[in-house]
Amino acid sequence: MTGDFPLGLASLQREAAKSRALPPVENWHPTHCGDIDIRIARDGTWFHLGTPIGRKELVRLFSTILRKDEDGFHLVTPAEKLRIKVDDAPFLAVLLHSEGEGEDQRLTFTTNVGDEAVAGPEHIIRVNTDPVTQEPAPYLHVRSGLEAKIARAVFYQLADLAVPGDGADRDVLGVWSGGVFFPLGRLA
């Protein structure tokens, strides 16, 4: 087939990536159809029937119709709503680009599915600390309640950019982005 006709799922994904427009899943309210055996592992790998989904285009497409509701994570279309399992966060922040310094700094994260988010008021960074091991688990809000776990190497980059906070946060190390100070951990 030639011309302007789509060639299948890969073509749809390429077109979607060009415009970066995401489907309006928050406006779709189909009846819940059940569960589907899709699982997103802690490392960001998507599985179907226990087998990793190897086609990045398919994972990207699924990621664009993912929504988090009160009862869990779902793949949503105008006609269907299927619950999936997510071990931790649905995405993994795998790249970090930093521009500027201090309060003017902008931290742009890229996820394993190609989403980009600039940390700031709409894309917060939060760090959970395990009460037993004291190990930090950093996350970035990507979109509509969906988060990316920040990969260890990216968290190390954030630690390199960390500065002491001001005022009430003076005993905290954190990073600035989009005019917001994000605490990463307490000073020792």
Foldseek 3Di string as FASTA:
>chain_A
DDDPDAPDLLSVLVVCLVVVDFPPLVPADADEPEAAEWEQEPVQFIDHPRHTDPDLSVVLNQVSQWAADPVGIWRDDNHYTHHYYYPPANWAFDDWDWDDADQAIWIWTAIPSGAIDTDDPQKDKAWDADPPPRDIWIWIRRDNRGIHTYDPVRVVVQVVRWDADDDVRNQFTFHHHHRDTHTDGGHD
